[in-house]
């Protein structure tokens, strides 16, 4: 049986504080090891939007590793 490939996905946005963070977290969770997601911004805000964290925590996604980055 061939080894399964792992796909690396980068979500880009401007501030890297909400949408790309949510996409990164969801794909890492739902991808079940087949995907490794990352996110970055062209002008990172330096913090994750609190509502994005609240939303992810509501769905039991880990948020302690998330940070706004370029």
PDB file of N, CA and C in Angstrom:
ATOM      1  N   UNK A   1       0.838  -1.172   0.000  1.00  0.00           N
ATOM      2  CA  UNK A   1       0.000   0.000   0.000  1.00  0.00           C
ATOM      3  C   UNK A   1       0.891   1.246   0.000  1.00  0.00           C
ATOM      4  N   UNK A   2       0.655   2.209  -0.910  1.00  0.00           N
ATOM      5  CA  UNK A   2       1.507   3.401  -0.965  1.00  0.00           C
ATOM      6  C   UNK A   2       1.294   4.294   0.255  1.00  0.00           C
ATOM      7  N   UNK A   3       2.365   4.947   0.642  1.00  0.00           N
ATOM      8  CA  UNK A   3       2.306   5.861   1.777  1.00  0.00           C
ATOM      9  C   UNK A   3       1.453   7.073   1.396  1.00  0.00           C
ATOM     10  N   UNK A   4       0.585   7.502   2.318  1.00  0.00           N
ATOM     11  CA  UNK A   4      -0.250   8.666   2.048  1.00  0.00           C
ATOM     12  C   UNK A   4       0.587   9.927   2.042  1.00  0.00           C
ATOM     13  N   UNK A   5       0.285  10.806   1.102  1.00  0.00           N
ATOM     14  CA  UNK A   5       0.987  12.085   1.025  1.00  0.00           C
ATOM     15  C   UNK A   5       0.371  13.075   1.993  1.00  0.00           C
ATOM     16  N   UNK A   6       1.188  13.939   2.525  1.00  0.00           N
ATOM     17  CA  UNK A   6       0.706  15.028   3.363  1.00  0.00           C
ATOM     18  C   UNK A   6       0.858  16.313   2.554  1.00  0.00           C
ATOM     19  N   UNK A   7      -0.234  17.054   2.453  1.00  0.00           N
ATOM     20  CA  UNK A   7      -0.240  18.296   1.701  1.00  0.00           C
ATOM     21  C   UNK A   7      -0.046  19.476   2.646  1.00  0.00           C
ATOM     22  N   UNK A   8       0.805  20.399   2.255  1.00  0.00           N
ATOM     23  CA  UNK A   8       1.048  21.613   3.035  1.00  0.00           C
ATOM     24  C   UNK A   8       0.279  22.749   2.368  1.00  0.00           C
ATOM     25  N   UNK A   9      -0.511  23.474   3.172  1.00  0.00           N
ATOM     26  CA  UNK A   9      -1.363  24.538   2.658  1.00  0.00           C
ATOM     27  C   UNK A   9      -1.069  25.815   3.429  1.00  0.00           C
ATOM     28  N   UNK A  10      -0.900  26.919   2.705  1.00  0.00           N
ATOM     29  CA  UNK A  10      -0.670  28.217   3.318  1.00  0.00           C
ATOM     30  C   UNK A  10      -1.849  29.122   2.999  1.00  0.00           C
ATOM     31  N   UNK A  11      -2.518  29.624   4.028  1.00  0.00           N
ATOM     32  CA  UNK A  11      -3.603  30.586   3.870  1.00  0.00           C
ATOM     33  C   UNK A  11      -3.027  31.973   4.097  1.00  0.00           C
ATOM     34  N   UNK A  12      -3.177  32.836   3.100  1.00  0.00           N
ATOM     35  CA  UNK A  12      -2.649  34.188   3.175  1.00  0.00           C
ATOM     36  C   UNK A  12      -3.787  35.199   3.262  1.00  0.00           C
ATOM     37  N   UNK A  13      -3.574  36.238   4.036  1.00  0.00           N
ATOM     38  CA  UNK A  13      -4.513  37.347   4.105  1.00  0.00           C
ATOM     39  C   UNK A  13      -3.722  38.591   4.479  1.00  0.00           C
ATOM     40  N   UNK A  14      -4.404  39.668   4.701  1.00  0.00           N
ATOM     41  CA  UNK A  14      -3.714  40.905   5.037  1.00  0.00           C
ATOM     42  C   UNK A  14      -3.279  40.925   6.496  1.00  0.00           C
ATOM     43  N   UNK A  15      -4.224  40.807   7.410  1.00  0.00           N
ATOM     44  CA  UNK A  15      -3.917  40.989   8.830  1.00  0.00           C
ATOM     45  C   UNK A  15      -3.538  39.742   9.597  1.00  0.00           C
ATOM     46  N   UNK A  16      -3.837  38.577   9.057  1.00  0.00           N
ATOM     47  CA  UNK A  16      -3.574  37.314   9.739  1.00  0.00           C
ATOM     48  C   UNK A  16      -4.060  37.351  11.182  1.00  0.00           C
ATOM     49  N   UNK A  17      -5.336  37.747  11.334  1.00  0.00           N
ATOM     50  CA  UNK A  17      -5.886  37.823  12.681  1.00  0.00           C
ATOM     51  C   UNK A  17      -7.202  37.074  12.830  1.00  0.00           C
ATOM     52  N   UNK A  18      -7.839  36.677  11.733  1.00  0.00           N
ATOM     53  CA  UNK A  18      -9.132  35.997  11.868  1.00  0.00           C
ATOM     54  C   UNK A  18      -9.337  34.912  10.811  1.00  0.00           C
ATOM     55  N   UNK A  19      -9.683  35.293   9.581  1.00  0.00           N
ATOM     56  CA  UNK A  19     -10.080  34.309   8.559  1.00  0.00           C
ATOM     57  C   UNK A  19      -9.009  33.264   8.287  1.00  0.00           C
ATOM     58  N   UNK A  20      -7.788  33.704   8.086  1.00  0.00           N
ATOM     59  CA  UNK A  20      -6.730  32.732   7.795  1.00  0.00           C
ATOM     60  C   UNK A  20      -6.419  31.872   9.015  1.00  0.00           C
ATOM     61  N   UNK A  21      -6.584  32.434  10.209  1.00  0.00           N
ATOM     62  CA  UNK A  21      -6.384  31.657  11.443  1.00  0.00           C
ATOM     63  C   UNK A  21      -7.435  30.551  11.560  1.00  0.00           C
ATOM     64  N   UNK A  22      -8.674  30.924  11.258  1.00  0.00           N
ATOM     65  CA  UNK A  22      -9.764  29.948  11.319  1.00  0.00           C
ATOM     66  C   UNK A  22      -9.523  28.848  10.287  1.00  0.00           C
ATOM     67  N   UNK A  23      -9.135  29.237   9.073  1.00  0.00           N
ATOM     68  CA  UNK A  23      -8.868  28.252   8.021  1.00  0.00           C
ATOM     69  C   UNK A  23      -7.726  27.320   8.421  1.00  0.00           C
ATOM     70  N   UNK A  24      -6.650  27.875   8.968  1.00  0.00           N
ATOM     71  CA  UNK A  24      -5.513  27.062   9.416  1.00  0.00           C
ATOM     72  C   UNK A  24      -5.955  26.040  10.457  1.00  0.00           C
ATOM     73  N   UNK A  25      -6.662  26.497  11.451  1.00  0.00           N
ATOM     74  CA  UNK A  25      -7.083  25.620  12.543  1.00  0.00           C
ATOM     75  C   UNK A  25      -8.043  24.538  12.062  1.00  0.00           C
ATOM     76  N   UNK A  26      -9.020  24.931  11.246  1.00  0.00           N
ATOM     77  CA  UNK A  26     -10.005  23.956  10.768  1.00  0.00           C
ATOM     78  C   UNK A  26      -9.376  22.892   9.866  1.00  0.00           C
ATOM     79  N   UNK A  27      -8.501  23.304   8.952  1.00  0.00           N
ATOM     80  CA  UNK A  27      -7.900  22.304   8.064  1.00  0.00           C
ATOM     81  C   UNK A  27      -6.983  21.362   8.837  1.00  0.00           C
ATOM     82  N   UNK A  28      -6.249  21.895   9.805  1.00  0.00           N
ATOM     83  CA  UNK A  28      -5.405  21.010  10.623  1.00  0.00           C
ATOM     84  C   UNK A  28      -6.254  20.019  11.401  1.00  0.00           C
ATOM     85  N   UNK A  29      -7.420  20.446  11.855  1.00  0.00           N
ATOM     86  CA  UNK A  29      -8.307  19.556  12.615  1.00  0.00           C
ATOM     87  C   UNK A  29      -9.039  18.580  11.690  1.00  0.00           C
ATOM     88  N   UNK A  30      -9.669  19.096  10.667  1.00  0.00           N
ATOM     89  CA  UNK A  30     -10.495  18.260   9.793  1.00  0.00           C
ATOM     90  C   UNK A  30      -9.685  17.460   8.785  1.00  0.00           C
ATOM     91  N   UNK A  31      -8.448  17.894   8.519  1.00  0.00           N
ATOM     92  CA  UNK A  31      -7.603  17.204   7.549  1.00  0.00           C
ATOM     93  C   UNK A  31      -7.068  15.881   8.045  1.00  0.00           C
ATOM     94  N   UNK A  32      -7.186  15.635   9.329  1.00  0.00           N
ATOM     95  CA  UNK A  32      -6.819  14.358   9.948  1.00  0.00           C
ATOM     96  C   UNK A  32      -5.440  13.844   9.510  1.00  0.00           C
ATOM     97  N   UNK A  33      -4.451  14.739   9.519  1.00  0.00           N
ATOM     98  CA  UNK A  33      -3.104  14.325   9.205  1.00  0.00           C
ATOM     99  C   UNK A  33      -2.740  14.356   7.734  1.00  0.00           C
ATOM    100  N   UNK A  34      -3.736  14.459   6.857  1.00  0.00           N
ATOM    101  CA  UNK A  34      -3.458  14.522   5.415  1.00  0.00           C
ATOM    102  C   UNK A  34      -3.007  15.913   4.994  1.00  0.00           C
ATOM    103  N   UNK A  35      -3.318  16.910   5.831  1.00  0.00           N
ATOM    104  CA  UNK A  35      -2.956  18.285   5.529  1.00  0.00           C
ATOM    105  C   UNK A  35      -2.223  18.886   6.716  1.00  0.00           C
ATOM    106  N   UNK A  36      -1.283  19.783   6.410  1.00  0.00           N
ATOM    107  CA  UNK A  36      -0.640  20.605   7.438  1.00  0.00           C
ATOM    108  C   UNK A  36      -0.844  22.031   6.970  1.00  0.00           C
ATOM    109  N   UNK A  37      -1.675  22.759   7.698  1.00  0.00           N
ATOM    110  CA  UNK A  37      -2.035  24.120   7.306  1.00  0.00           C
ATOM    111  C   UNK A  37      -1.243  25.149   8.098  1.00  0.00           C
ATOM    112  N   UNK A  38      -0.982  26.259   7.446  1.00  0.00           N
ATOM    113  CA  UNK A  38      -0.295  27.400   8.040  1.00  0.00           C
ATOM    114  C   UNK A  38      -1.060  28.648   7.608  1.00  0.00           C
ATOM    115  N   UNK A  39      -0.818  29.757   8.289  1.00  0.00           N
ATOM    116  CA  UNK A  39      -1.405  31.015   7.864  1.00  0.00           C
ATOM    117  C   UNK A  39      -0.394  32.133   8.070  1.00  0.00           C
ATOM    118  N   UNK A  40      -0.562  33.200   7.282  1.00  0.00           N
ATOM    119  CA  UNK A  40       0.327  34.354   7.385  1.00  0.00           C
ATOM    120  C   UNK A  40      -0.391  35.563   6.792  1.00  0.00           C
ATOM    121  N   UNK A  41       0.131  36.741   7.099  1.00  0.00           N
ATOM    122  CA  UNK A  41      -0.447  37.975   6.578  1.00  0.00           C
ATOM    123  C   UNK A  41       0.609  38.891   6.008  1.00  0.00           C
ATOM    124  N   UNK A  42       0.204  39.716   5.048  1.00  0.00           N
ATOM    125  CA  UNK A  42       1.137  40.674   4.461  1.00  0.00           C
ATOM    126  C   UNK A  42       1.398  41.843   5.415  1.00  0.00           C
ATOM    127  N   UNK A  43       0.424  42.142   6.264  1.00  0.00           N
ATOM    128  CA  UNK A  43       0.584  43.168   7.306  1.00  0.00           C
ATOM    129  C   UNK A  43      -0.044  42.632   8.593  1.00  0.00           C
ATOM    130  N   UNK A  44       0.613  41.683   9.251  1.00  0.00           N
ATOM    131  CA  UNK A  44       0.016  41.041  10.423  1.00  0.00           C
ATOM    132  C   UNK A  44      -0.332  42.039  11.522  1.00  0.00           C
ATOM    133  N   UNK A  45      -1.475  41.822  12.143  1.00  0.00           N
ATOM    134  CA  UNK A  45      -1.967  42.700  13.209  1.00  0.00           C
ATOM    135  C   UNK A  45      -1.197  42.517  14.510  1.00  0.00           C
ATOM    136  N   UNK A  46      -0.563  41.355  14.687  1.00  0.00           N
ATOM    137  CA  UNK A  46       0.173  41.099  15.920  1.00  0.00           C
ATOM    138  C   UNK A  46      -0.643  40.396  16.985  1.00  0.00           C
ATOM    139  N   UNK A  47      -1.926  40.208  16.725  1.00  0.00           N
ATOM    140  CA  UNK A  47      -2.778  39.476  17.658  1.00  0.00           C
ATOM    141  C   UNK A  47      -3.897  38.792  16.888  1.00  0.00           C
ATOM    142  N   UNK A  48      -4.437  37.762  17.485  1.00  0.00           N
ATOM    143  CA  UNK A  48      -5.556  37.040  16.883  1.00  0.00           C
ATOM    144  C   UNK A  48      -6.844  37.692  17.361  1.00  0.00           C
ATOM    145  N   UNK A  49      -7.757  37.932  16.436  1.00  0.00           N
ATOM    146  CA  UNK A  49      -9.042  38.550  16.750  1.00  0.00           C
ATOM    147  C   UNK A  49      -9.768  37.703  17.802  1.00  0.00           C
ATOM    148  N   UNK A  50     -10.168  38.296  18.915  1.00  0.00           N
ATOM    149  CA  UNK A  50     -10.771  37.519  20.013  1.00  0.00           C
ATOM    150  C   UNK A  50     -11.986  36.687  19.589  1.00  0.00           C
ATOM    151  N   UNK A  51     -12.826  37.205  18.688  1.00  0.00           N
ATOM    152  CA  UNK A  51     -13.991  36.434  18.270  1.00  0.00           C
ATOM    153  C   UNK A  51     -13.575  35.174  17.505  1.00  0.00           C
ATOM    154  N   UNK A  52     -12.481  35.254  16.739  1.00  0.00           N
ATOM    155  CA  UNK A  52     -11.984  34.069  16.024  1.00  0.00           C
ATOM    156  C   UNK A  52     -11.563  33.001  17.031  1.00  0.00           C
ATOM    157  N   UNK A  53     -10.868  33.410  18.078  1.00  0.00           N
ATOM    158  CA  UNK A  53     -10.474  32.456  19.124  1.00  0.00           C
ATOM    159  C   UNK A  53     -11.695  31.859  19.808  1.00  0.00           C
ATOM    160  N   UNK A  54     -12.661  32.707  20.114  1.00  0.00           N
ATOM    161  CA  UNK A  54     -13.890  32.244  20.778  1.00  0.00           C
ATOM    162  C   UNK A  54     -14.627  31.231  19.899  1.00  0.00           C
ATOM    163  N   UNK A  55     -14.707  31.520  18.609  1.00  0.00           N
ATOM    164  CA  UNK A  55     -15.382  30.616  17.672  1.00  0.00           C
ATOM    165  C   UNK A  55     -14.687  29.259  17.621  1.00  0.00           C
ATOM    166  N   UNK A  56     -13.363  29.268  17.499  1.00  0.00           N
ATOM    167  CA  UNK A  56     -12.615  28.012  17.434  1.00  0.00           C
ATOM    168  C   UNK A  56     -12.718  27.233  18.743  1.00  0.00           C
ATOM    169  N   UNK A  57     -12.674  27.924  19.865  1.00  0.00           N
ATOM    170  CA  UNK A  57     -12.810  27.252  21.162  1.00  0.00           C
ATOM    171  C   UNK A  57     -14.204  26.642  21.316  1.00  0.00           C
ATOM    172  N   UNK A  58     -15.201  27.317  20.774  1.00  0.00           N
ATOM    173  CA  UNK A  58     -16.569  26.794  20.825  1.00  0.00           C
ATOM    174  C   UNK A  58     -16.653  25.432  20.126  1.00  0.00           C
ATOM    175  N   UNK A  59     -15.883  25.274  19.049  1.00  0.00           N
ATOM    176  CA  UNK A  59     -15.872  24.010  18.308  1.00  0.00           C
ATOM    177  C   UNK A  59     -14.736  23.091  18.746  1.00  0.00           C
ATOM    178  N   UNK A  60     -14.157  23.379  19.889  1.00  0.00           N
ATOM    179  CA  UNK A  60     -13.138  22.535  20.540  1.00  0.00           C
ATOM    180  C   UNK A  60     -11.849  22.409  19.732  1.00  0.00           C
ATOM    181  N   UNK A  61     -11.514  23.437  18.974  1.00  0.00           N
ATOM    182  CA  UNK A  61     -10.224  23.464  18.280  1.00  0.00           C
ATOM    183  C   UNK A  61      -9.196  24.099  19.208  1.00  0.00           C
ATOM    184  N   UNK A  62      -7.986  23.592  19.199  1.00  0.00           N
ATOM    185  CA  UNK A  62      -6.918  24.160  20.013  1.00  0.00           C
ATOM    186  C   UNK A  62      -6.542  25.536  19.469  1.00  0.00           C
ATOM    187  N   UNK A  63      -6.335  26.488  20.351  1.00  0.00           N
ATOM    188  CA  UNK A  63      -5.997  27.844  19.922  1.00  0.00           C
ATOM    189  C   UNK A  63      -4.705  28.355  20.549  1.00  0.00           C
ATOM    190  N   UNK A  64      -4.121  27.607  21.449  1.00  0.00           N
ATOM    191  CA  UNK A  64      -2.943  28.098  22.165  1.00  0.00           C
ATOM    192  C   UNK A  64      -1.729  28.293  21.266  1.00  0.00           C
ATOM    193  N   UNK A  65      -1.688  27.659  20.103  1.00  0.00           N
ATOM    194  CA  UNK A  65      -0.546  27.776  19.194  1.00  0.00           C
ATOM    195  C   UNK A  65      -0.719  28.885  18.171  1.00  0.00           C
ATOM    196  N   UNK A  66      -1.915  29.465  18.081  1.00  0.00           N
ATOM    197  CA  UNK A  66      -2.186  30.473  17.057  1.00  0.00           C
ATOM    198  C   UNK A  66      -1.566  31.820  17.418  1.00  0.00           C
ATOM    199  N   UNK A  67      -0.938  32.445  16.419  1.00  0.00           N
ATOM    200  CA  UNK A  67      -0.388  33.786  16.600  1.00  0.00           C
ATOM    201  C   UNK A  67      -0.372  34.469  15.243  1.00  0.00           C
ATOM    202  N   UNK A  68      -0.503  35.772  15.229  1.00  0.00           N
ATOM    203  CA  UNK A  68      -0.477  36.550  14.003  1.00  0.00           C
ATOM    204  C   UNK A  68       0.966  36.649  13.512  1.00  0.00           C
ATOM    205  N   UNK A  69       1.206  36.269  12.243  1.00  0.00           N
ATOM    206  CA  UNK A  69       2.584  36.230  11.750  1.00  0.00           C
ATOM    207  C   UNK A  69       2.654  36.611  10.267  1.00  0.00           C
ATOM    208  N   UNK A  70       3.847  36.996   9.844  1.00  0.00           N
ATOM    209  CA  UNK A  70       4.050  37.367   8.437  1.00  0.00           C
ATOM    210  C   UNK A  70       4.555  36.168   7.641  1.00  0.00           C
TER     211      UNK A  70
END
